[in-house]
Amino acid sequence: MSEQQDLRPRRTAVVDRQTRETKVHLELDLDGTGRTDISTGVGFYDHMLTAFGRHALVDLVAHVEGDTHIDAHHTVEDTAIALGEAIRTALGDKVGIRRFGDATVPLDEALVQAVVDVSGRPYCVHDGEPEGQQYVLIGGTGAAYIGSLTRHVFESVAHHAQMAIHVRVLGGRDPHHIVETQFKAFARALRDAVALDPRETGVPSTKGAL
């Protein structure tokens, strides 16, 4: 850890979000070590958030109660909203961050590129998934995860974190691998984008604000 990071307070956030459909408690530490405690009621989503935390090197707690007797949509969406809000809050004034992150990650036959700009402007571009991926149900414990939720997660995080996220699926065959590689690539890109740059003494923008 750099001297700059030693002198700064840890970048953390706690978000509680409750609607008629879900109850979300989420804790985030951007300066963590990848420790996670995830329970959303959607087993595959738990797996994805665990992978995200580990590869972003953030500590993440997500305890969610949702209407999974209907389907996984509300639970996945509201957790992603809370994650985006937590990222935005934890980043604070964004002084000293690298701002941009770019990662290309393989998982067996799957390959994904993710690019992040902690810009203060929400935008999401998501493409390249094979035809039919959006209709695939991926099981496990709890409600099944449908492939169309993956784009929705990144859209929700981008909007509520106020960052630009580009995710491109460059290849893949197995539906599980295609989703997991996207979460891992996003994690590695975000890890670089929020990292502290020892040469950056202000906000990395000609505007003076992000």
N, C-alpha and C. Protein backbone atom coordinates (compact mmCIF):
# COMPACT_ATOMS: atom_id res chain seq x y z
N MET A 1 0.84 -1.19 0.00
CA MET A 1 0.00 0.00 0.00
C MET A 1 0.88 1.24 0.00
N SER A 2 0.52 2.24 -0.84
CA SER A 2 1.32 3.46 -0.95
C SER A 2 1.14 4.32 0.28
N GLU A 3 2.12 5.26 0.46
CA GLU A 3 2.02 6.21 1.57
C GLU A 3 0.76 7.05 1.43
N GLN A 4 0.40 7.41 0.19
CA GLN A 4 -0.80 8.20 -0.04
C GLN A 4 -2.03 7.48 0.48
N GLN A 5 -2.12 6.18 0.20
CA GLN A 5 -3.28 5.42 0.64
C GLN A 5 -3.26 5.24 2.16
N ASP A 6 -2.07 5.13 2.76
CA ASP A 6 -1.97 5.02 4.21
C ASP A 6 -2.57 6.23 4.91
N LEU A 7 -2.40 7.43 4.31
CA LEU A 7 -2.81 8.67 4.95
C LEU A 7 -4.30 8.96 4.75
N ARG A 8 -4.91 8.34 3.79
CA ARG A 8 -6.33 8.60 3.52
C ARG A 8 -7.22 7.69 4.36
N PRO A 9 -8.41 8.16 4.72
CA PRO A 9 -9.36 7.27 5.38
C PRO A 9 -9.81 6.18 4.42
N ARG A 10 -10.17 5.04 4.96
CA ARG A 10 -10.65 3.95 4.10
C ARG A 10 -11.92 4.39 3.38
N ARG A 11 -12.03 3.98 2.15
CA ARG A 11 -13.16 4.39 1.32
C ARG A 11 -14.26 3.34 1.44
N THR A 12 -15.21 3.61 2.30
CA THR A 12 -16.25 2.64 2.63
C THR A 12 -17.63 3.26 2.46
N ALA A 13 -18.63 2.41 2.38
CA ALA A 13 -20.02 2.87 2.31
C ALA A 13 -20.93 1.76 2.83
N VAL A 14 -22.03 2.17 3.41
CA VAL A 14 -23.10 1.27 3.83
C VAL A 14 -24.38 1.77 3.19
N VAL A 15 -25.08 0.89 2.49
CA VAL A 15 -26.33 1.27 1.83
C VAL A 15 -27.44 0.33 2.29
N ASP A 16 -28.53 0.91 2.76
CA ASP A 16 -29.74 0.15 3.08
C ASP A 16 -30.84 0.63 2.16
N ARG A 17 -31.42 -0.29 1.43
CA ARG A 17 -32.47 0.05 0.46
C ARG A 17 -33.65 -0.88 0.69
N GLN A 18 -34.82 -0.32 0.91
CA GLN A 18 -36.00 -1.14 1.17
C GLN A 18 -37.17 -0.66 0.31
N THR A 19 -37.77 -1.59 -0.39
CA THR A 19 -38.98 -1.32 -1.16
C THR A 19 -40.01 -2.39 -0.80
N ARG A 20 -41.14 -2.37 -1.47
CA ARG A 20 -42.15 -3.42 -1.26
C ARG A 20 -41.70 -4.76 -1.84
N GLU A 21 -40.63 -4.72 -2.62
CA GLU A 21 -40.15 -5.93 -3.30
C GLU A 21 -38.89 -6.51 -2.69
N THR A 22 -38.04 -5.65 -2.14
CA THR A 22 -36.76 -6.13 -1.62
C THR A 22 -36.34 -5.35 -0.39
N LYS A 23 -35.43 -5.97 0.36
CA LYS A 23 -34.75 -5.30 1.47
C LYS A 23 -33.27 -5.62 1.32
N VAL A 24 -32.47 -4.59 1.06
CA VAL A 24 -31.05 -4.77 0.75
C VAL A 24 -30.20 -4.09 1.81
N HIS A 25 -29.24 -4.83 2.35
CA HIS A 25 -28.20 -4.24 3.20
C HIS A 25 -26.87 -4.56 2.54
N LEU A 26 -26.12 -3.50 2.20
CA LEU A 26 -24.86 -3.69 1.47
C LEU A 26 -23.77 -2.85 2.11
N GLU A 27 -22.61 -3.46 2.29
CA GLU A 27 -21.43 -2.78 2.82
C GLU A 27 -20.29 -2.97 1.83
N LEU A 28 -19.55 -1.88 1.60
CA LEU A 28 -18.47 -1.92 0.61
C LEU A 28 -17.24 -1.22 1.17
N ASP A 29 -16.08 -1.84 0.97
CA ASP A 29 -14.79 -1.24 1.30
C ASP A 29 -13.92 -1.33 0.05
N LEU A 30 -13.72 -0.19 -0.61
CA LEU A 30 -12.92 -0.18 -1.84
C LEU A 30 -11.47 -0.52 -1.59
N ASP A 31 -11.00 -0.37 -0.36
CA ASP A 31 -9.60 -0.65 -0.03
C ASP A 31 -9.46 -1.97 0.71
N GLY A 32 -10.32 -2.92 0.36
CA GLY A 32 -10.33 -4.21 1.05
C GLY A 32 -9.37 -5.21 0.43
N THR A 33 -9.64 -6.47 0.72
CA THR A 33 -8.77 -7.56 0.26
C THR A 33 -9.53 -8.63 -0.51
N GLY A 34 -10.80 -8.38 -0.81
CA GLY A 34 -11.59 -9.35 -1.55
C GLY A 34 -12.47 -10.24 -0.69
N ARG A 35 -12.64 -9.88 0.58
CA ARG A 35 -13.51 -10.67 1.46
C ARG A 35 -14.97 -10.37 1.14
N THR A 36 -15.80 -11.41 1.09
CA THR A 36 -17.21 -11.23 0.75
C THR A 36 -18.10 -12.04 1.68
N ASP A 37 -19.30 -11.54 1.86
CA ASP A 37 -20.36 -12.22 2.60
C ASP A 37 -21.65 -11.91 1.86
N ILE A 38 -22.04 -12.81 0.98
CA ILE A 38 -23.12 -12.56 0.03
C ILE A 38 -24.27 -13.53 0.25
N SER A 39 -25.47 -13.00 0.35
CA SER A 39 -26.67 -13.82 0.45
C SER A 39 -27.84 -13.05 -0.14
N THR A 40 -28.17 -13.35 -1.39
CA THR A 40 -29.24 -12.62 -2.08
C THR A 40 -30.49 -13.46 -2.32
N GLY A 41 -30.39 -14.76 -2.11
CA GLY A 41 -31.51 -15.63 -2.46
C GLY A 41 -31.46 -16.09 -3.91
N VAL A 42 -30.48 -15.63 -4.66
CA VAL A 42 -30.27 -16.05 -6.05
C VAL A 42 -28.86 -16.62 -6.11
N GLY A 43 -28.79 -17.93 -6.09
CA GLY A 43 -27.50 -18.60 -5.91
C GLY A 43 -26.44 -18.20 -6.92
N PHE A 44 -26.82 -18.12 -8.18
CA PHE A 44 -25.82 -17.78 -9.21
C PHE A 44 -25.35 -16.34 -9.05
N TYR A 45 -26.25 -15.45 -8.66
CA TYR A 45 -25.88 -14.05 -8.42
C TYR A 45 -24.93 -13.95 -7.24
N ASP A 46 -25.15 -14.76 -6.21
CA ASP A 46 -24.20 -14.81 -5.09
C ASP A 46 -22.81 -15.16 -5.61
N HIS A 47 -22.76 -16.12 -6.49
CA HIS A 47 -21.49 -16.56 -7.08
C HIS A 47 -20.83 -15.42 -7.85
N MET A 48 -21.63 -14.67 -8.62
CA MET A 48 -21.09 -13.56 -9.41
C MET A 48 -20.58 -12.43 -8.52
N LEU A 49 -21.33 -12.08 -7.48
CA LEU A 49 -20.90 -11.00 -6.59
C LEU A 49 -19.68 -11.41 -5.78
N THR A 50 -19.59 -12.68 -5.44
CA THR A 50 -18.40 -13.18 -4.75
C THR A 50 -17.18 -13.06 -5.66
N ALA A 51 -17.33 -13.43 -6.93
CA ALA A 51 -16.24 -13.29 -7.89
C ALA A 51 -15.87 -11.82 -8.09
N PHE A 52 -16.89 -10.97 -8.17
CA PHE A 52 -16.64 -9.55 -8.32
C PHE A 52 -15.80 -9.01 -7.16
N GLY A 53 -16.21 -9.30 -5.93
CA GLY A 53 -15.48 -8.81 -4.77
C GLY A 53 -14.04 -9.29 -4.75
N ARG A 54 -13.86 -10.57 -5.05
CA ARG A 54 -12.52 -11.15 -5.00
C ARG A 54 -11.59 -10.51 -6.02
N HIS A 55 -12.08 -10.30 -7.23
CA HIS A 55 -11.20 -9.82 -8.29
C HIS A 55 -11.10 -8.29 -8.34
N ALA A 56 -12.06 -7.60 -7.75
CA ALA A 56 -11.93 -6.15 -7.59
C ALA A 56 -11.11 -5.79 -6.36
N LEU A 57 -10.83 -6.78 -5.52
CA LEU A 57 -10.16 -6.58 -4.24
C LEU A 57 -10.91 -5.56 -3.37
N VAL A 58 -12.24 -5.71 -3.38
CA VAL A 58 -13.08 -4.93 -2.47
C VAL A 58 -13.69 -5.90 -1.46
N ASP A 59 -13.94 -5.41 -0.25
CA ASP A 59 -14.69 -6.18 0.73
C ASP A 59 -16.16 -5.86 0.51
N LEU A 60 -16.98 -6.88 0.40
CA LEU A 60 -18.39 -6.68 0.04
C LEU A 60 -19.29 -7.56 0.88
N VAL A 61 -20.26 -6.93 1.52
CA VAL A 61 -21.33 -7.63 2.21
C VAL A 61 -22.63 -7.28 1.49
N ALA A 62 -23.42 -8.30 1.14
CA ALA A 62 -24.73 -8.06 0.53
C ALA A 62 -25.71 -9.07 1.11
N HIS A 63 -26.59 -8.60 1.97
CA HIS A 63 -27.64 -9.42 2.54
C HIS A 63 -28.97 -8.91 2.00
N VAL A 64 -29.67 -9.77 1.29
CA VAL A 64 -30.86 -9.32 0.56
C VAL A 64 -32.03 -10.27 0.82
N GLU A 65 -33.17 -9.68 1.08
CA GLU A 65 -34.43 -10.41 1.13
C GLU A 65 -35.30 -9.87 0.00
N GLY A 66 -35.72 -10.74 -0.90
CA GLY A 66 -36.48 -10.27 -2.05
C GLY A 66 -37.61 -11.21 -2.43
N ASP A 67 -38.44 -10.77 -3.35
CA ASP A 67 -39.60 -11.55 -3.80
C ASP A 67 -39.18 -12.59 -4.84
N THR A 68 -38.27 -13.44 -4.43
CA THR A 68 -37.75 -14.46 -5.36
C THR A 68 -38.79 -15.54 -5.68
N HIS A 69 -39.93 -15.53 -4.96
CA HIS A 69 -41.02 -16.43 -5.32
C HIS A 69 -41.65 -16.01 -6.64
N ILE A 70 -41.42 -14.73 -7.03
CA ILE A 70 -41.88 -14.24 -8.33
C ILE A 70 -40.82 -14.55 -9.38
N ASP A 71 -39.65 -13.95 -9.21
CA ASP A 71 -38.47 -14.28 -10.01
C ASP A 71 -37.28 -13.53 -9.41
N ALA A 72 -36.16 -13.57 -10.10
CA ALA A 72 -34.94 -12.98 -9.54
C ALA A 72 -34.77 -11.50 -9.88
N HIS A 73 -35.62 -10.96 -10.74
CA HIS A 73 -35.38 -9.64 -11.30
C HIS A 73 -35.24 -8.54 -10.25
N HIS A 74 -36.21 -8.39 -9.37
CA HIS A 74 -36.18 -7.29 -8.41
C HIS A 74 -34.98 -7.40 -7.48
N THR A 75 -34.67 -8.62 -7.07
CA THR A 75 -33.54 -8.84 -6.16
C THR A 75 -32.23 -8.47 -6.83
N VAL A 76 -32.02 -8.92 -8.04
CA VAL A 76 -30.79 -8.63 -8.76
C VAL A 76 -30.68 -7.13 -9.04
N GLU A 77 -31.77 -6.54 -9.51
CA GLU A 77 -31.76 -5.11 -9.84
C GLU A 77 -31.47 -4.24 -8.62
N ASP A 78 -32.18 -4.47 -7.53
CA ASP A 78 -32.03 -3.61 -6.36
C ASP A 78 -30.66 -3.78 -5.70
N THR A 79 -30.10 -4.98 -5.77
CA THR A 79 -28.75 -5.18 -5.26
C THR A 79 -27.74 -4.41 -6.11
N ALA A 80 -27.93 -4.41 -7.42
CA ALA A 80 -27.05 -3.67 -8.32
C ALA A 80 -27.17 -2.16 -8.08
N ILE A 81 -28.39 -1.69 -7.84
CA ILE A 81 -28.59 -0.27 -7.52
C ILE A 81 -27.82 0.09 -6.26
N ALA A 82 -27.95 -0.74 -5.24
CA ALA A 82 -27.24 -0.48 -3.97
C ALA A 82 -25.74 -0.53 -4.16
N LEU A 83 -25.25 -1.46 -4.98
CA LEU A 83 -23.81 -1.54 -5.24
C LEU A 83 -23.32 -0.27 -5.93
N GLY A 84 -24.07 0.22 -6.91
CA GLY A 84 -23.68 1.45 -7.58
C GLY A 84 -23.66 2.63 -6.63
N GLU A 85 -24.67 2.74 -5.77
CA GLU A 85 -24.71 3.82 -4.79
C GLU A 85 -23.53 3.73 -3.82
N ALA A 86 -23.18 2.50 -3.43
CA ALA A 86 -22.07 2.31 -2.51
C ALA A 86 -20.74 2.70 -3.15
N ILE A 87 -20.55 2.35 -4.41
CA ILE A 87 -19.32 2.73 -5.10
C ILE A 87 -19.21 4.25 -5.17
N ARG A 88 -20.30 4.92 -5.54
CA ARG A 88 -20.28 6.38 -5.64
C ARG A 88 -19.96 7.03 -4.29
N THR A 89 -20.61 6.53 -3.25
CA THR A 89 -20.40 7.10 -1.92
C THR A 89 -18.98 6.85 -1.43
N ALA A 90 -18.49 5.62 -1.60
CA ALA A 90 -17.16 5.27 -1.11
C ALA A 90 -16.07 6.06 -1.82
N LEU A 91 -16.27 6.40 -3.08
CA LEU A 91 -15.26 7.15 -3.84
C LEU A 91 -15.11 8.58 -3.34
N GLY A 92 -16.13 9.11 -2.72
CA GLY A 92 -16.04 10.45 -2.15
C GLY A 92 -15.67 11.49 -3.19
N ASP A 93 -14.63 12.29 -2.91
CA ASP A 93 -14.25 13.39 -3.81
C ASP A 93 -13.43 12.91 -5.02
N LYS A 94 -13.05 11.64 -5.03
CA LYS A 94 -12.32 11.02 -6.15
C LYS A 94 -10.91 11.58 -6.35
N VAL A 95 -10.43 12.32 -5.37
CA VAL A 95 -9.07 12.86 -5.47
C VAL A 95 -8.06 11.71 -5.46
N GLY A 96 -7.14 11.76 -6.41
CA GLY A 96 -6.04 10.80 -6.43
C GLY A 96 -6.29 9.48 -7.12
N ILE A 97 -7.50 9.28 -7.64
CA ILE A 97 -7.77 7.99 -8.29
C ILE A 97 -7.23 7.97 -9.72
N ARG A 98 -7.08 6.77 -10.25
CA ARG A 98 -6.62 6.64 -11.64
C ARG A 98 -7.72 7.02 -12.63
N ARG A 99 -8.95 6.80 -12.27
CA ARG A 99 -10.16 7.13 -13.02
C ARG A 99 -10.49 6.10 -14.09
N PHE A 100 -9.56 5.70 -14.92
CA PHE A 100 -9.84 4.76 -16.01
C PHE A 100 -9.34 3.37 -15.66
N GLY A 101 -10.08 2.37 -16.12
CA GLY A 101 -9.64 0.99 -15.96
C GLY A 101 -10.04 0.18 -17.17
N ASP A 102 -9.17 -0.73 -17.58
CA ASP A 102 -9.40 -1.54 -18.78
C ASP A 102 -8.87 -2.93 -18.51
N ALA A 103 -9.72 -3.95 -18.68
CA ALA A 103 -9.28 -5.32 -18.42
C ALA A 103 -9.89 -6.26 -19.45
N THR A 104 -9.09 -7.17 -19.93
CA THR A 104 -9.58 -8.26 -20.79
C THR A 104 -9.29 -9.56 -20.06
N VAL A 105 -10.36 -10.33 -19.84
CA VAL A 105 -10.27 -11.50 -18.95
C VAL A 105 -10.82 -12.74 -19.66
N PRO A 106 -10.08 -13.86 -19.61
CA PRO A 106 -10.58 -15.11 -20.16
C PRO A 106 -11.14 -16.02 -19.07
N LEU A 107 -12.04 -16.88 -19.44
CA LEU A 107 -12.45 -17.99 -18.60
C LEU A 107 -12.70 -19.17 -19.54
N ASP A 108 -11.70 -20.03 -19.64
CA ASP A 108 -11.76 -21.13 -20.61
C ASP A 108 -12.05 -20.56 -22.00
N GLU A 109 -13.18 -20.91 -22.59
CA GLU A 109 -13.47 -20.47 -23.96
C GLU A 109 -14.01 -19.05 -24.05
N ALA A 110 -14.40 -18.47 -22.92
CA ALA A 110 -15.00 -17.13 -22.92
C ALA A 110 -13.93 -16.06 -22.77
N LEU A 111 -14.17 -14.91 -23.41
CA LEU A 111 -13.25 -13.79 -23.34
C LEU A 111 -14.06 -12.50 -23.33
N VAL A 112 -13.76 -11.62 -22.36
CA VAL A 112 -14.53 -10.38 -22.20
C VAL A 112 -13.59 -9.22 -21.94
N GLN A 113 -13.88 -8.09 -22.56
CA GLN A 113 -13.19 -6.83 -22.25
C GLN A 113 -14.17 -5.91 -21.52
N ALA A 114 -13.70 -5.31 -20.44
CA ALA A 114 -14.48 -4.30 -19.70
C ALA A 114 -13.62 -3.05 -19.55
N VAL A 115 -14.24 -1.90 -19.77
CA VAL A 115 -13.56 -0.61 -19.63
C VAL A 115 -14.43 0.29 -18.77
N VAL A 116 -13.80 0.95 -17.80
CA VAL A 116 -14.52 1.79 -16.85
C VAL A 116 -13.93 3.20 -16.86
N ASP A 117 -14.81 4.18 -16.79
CA ASP A 117 -14.40 5.57 -16.59
C ASP A 117 -15.23 6.13 -15.43
N VAL A 118 -14.55 6.44 -14.33
CA VAL A 118 -15.25 7.01 -13.17
C VAL A 118 -15.43 8.50 -13.46
N SER A 119 -16.37 8.79 -14.33
CA SER A 119 -16.49 10.09 -14.98
C SER A 119 -17.47 11.04 -14.32
N GLY A 120 -18.35 10.50 -13.46
CA GLY A 120 -19.46 11.30 -12.96
C GLY A 120 -20.63 11.33 -13.92
N ARG A 121 -20.48 10.68 -15.08
CA ARG A 121 -21.53 10.63 -16.09
C ARG A 121 -21.92 9.18 -16.34
N PRO A 122 -23.15 8.80 -16.01
CA PRO A 122 -23.55 7.41 -16.19
C PRO A 122 -23.76 7.04 -17.66
N TYR A 123 -23.14 5.94 -18.06
CA TYR A 123 -23.33 5.43 -19.42
C TYR A 123 -22.95 3.96 -19.43
N CYS A 124 -23.70 3.17 -20.16
CA CYS A 124 -23.40 1.74 -20.25
C CYS A 124 -23.52 1.27 -21.69
N VAL A 125 -22.48 0.63 -22.17
CA VAL A 125 -22.50 -0.05 -23.46
C VAL A 125 -22.21 -1.52 -23.20
N HIS A 126 -23.10 -2.38 -23.68
CA HIS A 126 -22.97 -3.81 -23.41
C HIS A 126 -23.31 -4.55 -24.69
N ASP A 127 -22.33 -5.27 -25.24
CA ASP A 127 -22.63 -5.99 -26.48
C ASP A 127 -21.76 -7.24 -26.62
N GLY A 128 -22.09 -8.03 -27.64
CA GLY A 128 -21.28 -9.18 -27.99
C GLY A 128 -21.76 -10.52 -27.46
N GLU A 129 -22.78 -10.52 -26.60
CA GLU A 129 -23.27 -11.81 -26.12
C GLU A 129 -23.85 -12.61 -27.29
N PRO A 130 -23.65 -13.94 -27.30
CA PRO A 130 -24.21 -14.75 -28.38
C PRO A 130 -25.73 -14.71 -28.36
N GLU A 131 -26.34 -14.84 -29.50
CA GLU A 131 -27.79 -14.83 -29.61
C GLU A 131 -28.39 -15.92 -28.73
N GLY A 132 -29.39 -15.55 -27.97
CA GLY A 132 -30.06 -16.49 -27.07
C GLY A 132 -29.55 -16.43 -25.64
N GLN A 133 -28.39 -15.79 -25.42
CA GLN A 133 -27.85 -15.71 -24.05
C GLN A 133 -28.84 -15.04 -23.11
N GLN A 134 -29.59 -14.07 -23.61
CA GLN A 134 -30.50 -13.32 -22.76
C GLN A 134 -31.66 -14.18 -22.25
N TYR A 135 -31.90 -15.33 -22.87
CA TYR A 135 -33.02 -16.18 -22.48
C TYR A 135 -32.60 -17.37 -21.61
N VAL A 136 -31.30 -17.53 -21.42
CA VAL A 136 -30.79 -18.70 -20.70
C VAL A 136 -31.10 -18.58 -19.21
N LEU A 137 -31.59 -19.64 -18.61
CA LEU A 137 -31.78 -19.71 -17.16
C LEU A 137 -30.60 -20.45 -16.56
N ILE A 138 -29.93 -19.82 -15.60
CA ILE A 138 -28.80 -20.44 -14.93
C ILE A 138 -29.23 -20.71 -13.50
N GLY A 139 -29.20 -21.98 -13.10
CA GLY A 139 -29.82 -22.40 -11.84
C GLY A 139 -28.91 -22.26 -10.65
N GLY A 140 -29.06 -23.18 -9.72
CA GLY A 140 -28.39 -23.10 -8.44
C GLY A 140 -29.44 -22.94 -7.35
N THR A 141 -29.03 -22.57 -6.16
CA THR A 141 -29.98 -22.41 -5.08
C THR A 141 -30.79 -21.14 -5.27
N GLY A 142 -32.04 -21.15 -4.82
CA GLY A 142 -32.90 -19.98 -4.92
C GLY A 142 -33.44 -19.80 -6.32
N ALA A 143 -33.86 -18.57 -6.63
CA ALA A 143 -34.44 -18.28 -7.93
C ALA A 143 -33.39 -18.39 -9.02
N ALA A 144 -33.83 -18.78 -10.21
CA ALA A 144 -32.92 -18.89 -11.35
C ALA A 144 -32.56 -17.50 -11.86
N TYR A 145 -31.35 -17.40 -12.37
CA TYR A 145 -30.82 -16.17 -12.95
C TYR A 145 -31.01 -16.25 -14.45
N ILE A 146 -31.69 -15.26 -15.03
CA ILE A 146 -31.88 -15.25 -16.48
C ILE A 146 -30.82 -14.36 -17.12
N GLY A 147 -30.34 -14.77 -18.28
CA GLY A 147 -29.21 -14.10 -18.92
C GLY A 147 -29.42 -12.62 -19.18
N SER A 148 -30.65 -12.18 -19.39
CA SER A 148 -30.90 -10.77 -19.66
C SER A 148 -30.56 -9.88 -18.48
N LEU A 149 -30.44 -10.44 -17.29
CA LEU A 149 -30.13 -9.65 -16.10
C LEU A 149 -28.71 -9.10 -16.12
N THR A 150 -27.82 -9.73 -16.85
CA THR A 150 -26.41 -9.30 -16.82
C THR A 150 -26.27 -7.87 -17.30
N ARG A 151 -26.86 -7.58 -18.46
CA ARG A 151 -26.81 -6.19 -18.95
C ARG A 151 -27.46 -5.26 -17.95
N HIS A 152 -28.56 -5.69 -17.36
CA HIS A 152 -29.29 -4.83 -16.43
C HIS A 152 -28.45 -4.51 -15.19
N VAL A 153 -27.65 -5.46 -14.75
CA VAL A 153 -26.76 -5.20 -13.61
C VAL A 153 -25.79 -4.08 -13.95
N PHE A 154 -25.14 -4.17 -15.10
CA PHE A 154 -24.15 -3.15 -15.46
C PHE A 154 -24.80 -1.80 -15.71
N GLU A 155 -26.00 -1.79 -16.30
CA GLU A 155 -26.73 -0.54 -16.49
C GLU A 155 -27.05 0.11 -15.15
N SER A 156 -27.51 -0.71 -14.21
CA SER A 156 -27.89 -0.19 -12.88
C SER A 156 -26.68 0.33 -12.13
N VAL A 157 -25.58 -0.41 -12.16
CA VAL A 157 -24.36 0.04 -11.48
C VAL A 157 -23.86 1.33 -12.11
N ALA A 158 -23.82 1.38 -13.44
CA ALA A 158 -23.33 2.57 -14.14
C ALA A 158 -24.14 3.80 -13.76
N HIS A 159 -25.45 3.66 -13.74
CA HIS A 159 -26.32 4.81 -13.45
C HIS A 159 -26.12 5.31 -12.03
N HIS A 160 -26.09 4.39 -11.08
CA HIS A 160 -26.08 4.79 -9.67
C HIS A 160 -24.67 5.08 -9.16
N ALA A 161 -23.65 4.52 -9.81
CA ALA A 161 -22.27 4.89 -9.47
C ALA A 161 -21.81 6.12 -10.23
N GLN A 162 -22.60 6.51 -11.23
CA GLN A 162 -22.27 7.65 -12.10
C GLN A 162 -20.92 7.44 -12.77
N MET A 163 -20.84 6.33 -13.48
CA MET A 163 -19.62 6.02 -14.23
C MET A 163 -20.00 5.43 -15.58
N ALA A 164 -19.06 5.47 -16.50
CA ALA A 164 -19.24 4.82 -17.79
C ALA A 164 -18.68 3.40 -17.71
N ILE A 165 -19.47 2.44 -18.18
CA ILE A 165 -19.05 1.04 -18.21
C ILE A 165 -19.27 0.51 -19.62
N HIS A 166 -18.22 0.00 -20.22
CA HIS A 166 -18.32 -0.68 -21.51
C HIS A 166 -17.93 -2.14 -21.30
N VAL A 167 -18.78 -3.05 -21.69
CA VAL A 167 -18.51 -4.48 -21.58
C VAL A 167 -18.72 -5.11 -22.96
N ARG A 168 -17.70 -5.77 -23.46
CA ARG A 168 -17.77 -6.44 -24.75
C ARG A 168 -17.44 -7.91 -24.59
N VAL A 169 -18.37 -8.77 -24.95
CA VAL A 169 -18.10 -10.21 -24.96
C VAL A 169 -17.44 -10.53 -26.30
N LEU A 170 -16.18 -10.96 -26.23
CA LEU A 170 -15.40 -11.22 -27.44
C LEU A 170 -15.52 -12.67 -27.90
N GLY A 171 -15.94 -13.53 -26.97
CA GLY A 171 -16.10 -14.93 -27.33
C GLY A 171 -16.69 -15.70 -26.16
N GLY A 172 -17.24 -16.87 -26.46
CA GLY A 172 -17.78 -17.69 -25.39
C GLY A 172 -18.86 -18.63 -25.89
N ARG A 173 -19.00 -19.75 -25.19
CA ARG A 173 -19.99 -20.75 -25.56
C ARG A 173 -20.86 -21.13 -24.38
N ASP A 174 -20.24 -21.37 -23.23
CA ASP A 174 -20.97 -21.79 -22.04
C ASP A 174 -21.64 -20.58 -21.38
N PRO A 175 -22.97 -20.59 -21.16
CA PRO A 175 -23.67 -19.43 -20.60
C PRO A 175 -23.13 -18.99 -19.25
N HIS A 176 -22.76 -19.95 -18.40
CA HIS A 176 -22.19 -19.64 -17.09
C HIS A 176 -20.88 -18.87 -17.27
N HIS A 177 -20.02 -19.37 -18.12
CA HIS A 177 -18.73 -18.72 -18.35
C HIS A 177 -18.89 -17.31 -18.92
N ILE A 178 -19.85 -17.15 -19.83
CA ILE A 178 -20.06 -15.86 -20.48
C ILE A 178 -20.43 -14.80 -19.44
N VAL A 179 -21.30 -15.15 -18.50
CA VAL A 179 -21.69 -14.19 -17.45
C VAL A 179 -20.54 -13.97 -16.47
N GLU A 180 -19.94 -15.05 -16.01
CA GLU A 180 -18.90 -14.93 -14.99
C GLU A 180 -17.71 -14.11 -15.48
N THR A 181 -17.35 -14.29 -16.74
CA THR A 181 -16.21 -13.54 -17.27
C THR A 181 -16.52 -12.05 -17.33
N GLN A 182 -17.77 -11.70 -17.58
CA GLN A 182 -18.16 -10.29 -17.58
C GLN A 182 -17.99 -9.67 -16.18
N PHE A 183 -18.43 -10.38 -15.16
CA PHE A 183 -18.29 -9.87 -13.80
C PHE A 183 -16.83 -9.75 -13.40
N LYS A 184 -16.01 -10.72 -13.81
CA LYS A 184 -14.60 -10.67 -13.46
C LYS A 184 -13.88 -9.56 -14.21
N ALA A 185 -14.20 -9.37 -15.48
CA ALA A 185 -13.56 -8.31 -16.25
C ALA A 185 -13.95 -6.94 -15.69
N PHE A 186 -15.22 -6.78 -15.36
CA PHE A 186 -15.65 -5.51 -14.75
C PHE A 186 -14.93 -5.29 -13.43
N ALA A 187 -14.78 -6.34 -12.65
CA ALA A 187 -14.09 -6.23 -11.36
C ALA A 187 -12.67 -5.74 -11.54
N ARG A 188 -11.95 -6.32 -12.47
CA ARG A 188 -10.54 -5.93 -12.67
C ARG A 188 -10.43 -4.51 -13.23
N ALA A 189 -11.36 -4.13 -14.11
CA ALA A 189 -11.33 -2.77 -14.63
C ALA A 189 -11.64 -1.76 -13.53
N LEU A 190 -12.63 -2.06 -12.70
CA LEU A 190 -12.98 -1.16 -11.60
C LEU A 190 -11.84 -1.05 -10.60
N ARG A 191 -11.19 -2.18 -10.34
CA ARG A 191 -10.05 -2.19 -9.41
C ARG A 191 -8.98 -1.20 -9.85
N ASP A 192 -8.69 -1.16 -11.14
CA ASP A 192 -7.69 -0.22 -11.65
C ASP A 192 -8.21 1.22 -11.61
N ALA A 193 -9.48 1.41 -11.94
CA ALA A 193 -10.03 2.76 -12.03
C ALA A 193 -10.08 3.46 -10.68
N VAL A 194 -10.38 2.72 -9.61
CA VAL A 194 -10.51 3.35 -8.29
C VAL A 194 -9.20 3.33 -7.51
N ALA A 195 -8.17 2.68 -8.06
CA ALA A 195 -6.89 2.64 -7.38
C ALA A 195 -6.30 4.04 -7.26
N LEU A 196 -5.56 4.27 -6.19
CA LEU A 196 -4.91 5.56 -5.98
C LEU A 196 -3.60 5.63 -6.77
N ASP A 197 -3.43 6.73 -7.49
CA ASP A 197 -2.24 6.96 -8.29
C ASP A 197 -1.31 7.88 -7.50
N PRO A 198 -0.12 7.42 -7.12
CA PRO A 198 0.76 8.25 -6.29
C PRO A 198 1.20 9.54 -6.97
N ARG A 199 1.05 9.63 -8.29
CA ARG A 199 1.44 10.84 -9.01
C ARG A 199 0.29 11.84 -9.13
N GLU A 200 -0.92 11.40 -8.82
CA GLU A 200 -2.10 12.25 -8.98
C GLU A 200 -2.43 12.92 -7.66
N THR A 201 -2.34 14.24 -7.62
CA THR A 201 -2.58 14.98 -6.38
C THR A 201 -3.96 15.63 -6.35
N GLY A 202 -4.68 15.59 -7.46
CA GLY A 202 -6.00 16.19 -7.50
C GLY A 202 -7.01 15.24 -8.11
N VAL A 203 -8.02 15.81 -8.73
CA VAL A 203 -9.02 15.03 -9.44
C VAL A 203 -8.57 14.89 -10.90
N PRO A 204 -8.52 13.68 -11.44
CA PRO A 204 -8.00 13.47 -12.78
C PRO A 204 -8.98 13.92 -13.86
N SER A 205 -9.15 15.22 -13.97
CA SER A 205 -10.03 15.78 -14.99
C SER A 205 -9.62 17.22 -15.25
N THR A 206 -9.66 17.64 -16.52
CA THR A 206 -9.38 19.04 -16.85
C THR A 206 -10.48 19.96 -16.34
N LYS A 207 -11.65 19.38 -16.01
CA LYS A 207 -12.75 20.18 -15.48
C LYS A 207 -12.56 20.49 -13.98
N GLY A 208 -11.72 19.69 -13.34
CA GLY A 208 -11.51 19.86 -11.91
C GLY A 208 -12.53 19.16 -11.05
N ALA A 209 -13.41 18.38 -11.68
CA ALA A 209 -14.43 17.64 -10.91
C ALA A 209 -14.85 16.43 -11.72
N LEU A 210 -15.22 15.37 -11.00
CA LEU A 210 -15.74 14.15 -11.63
C LEU A 210 -17.10 13.84 -11.02
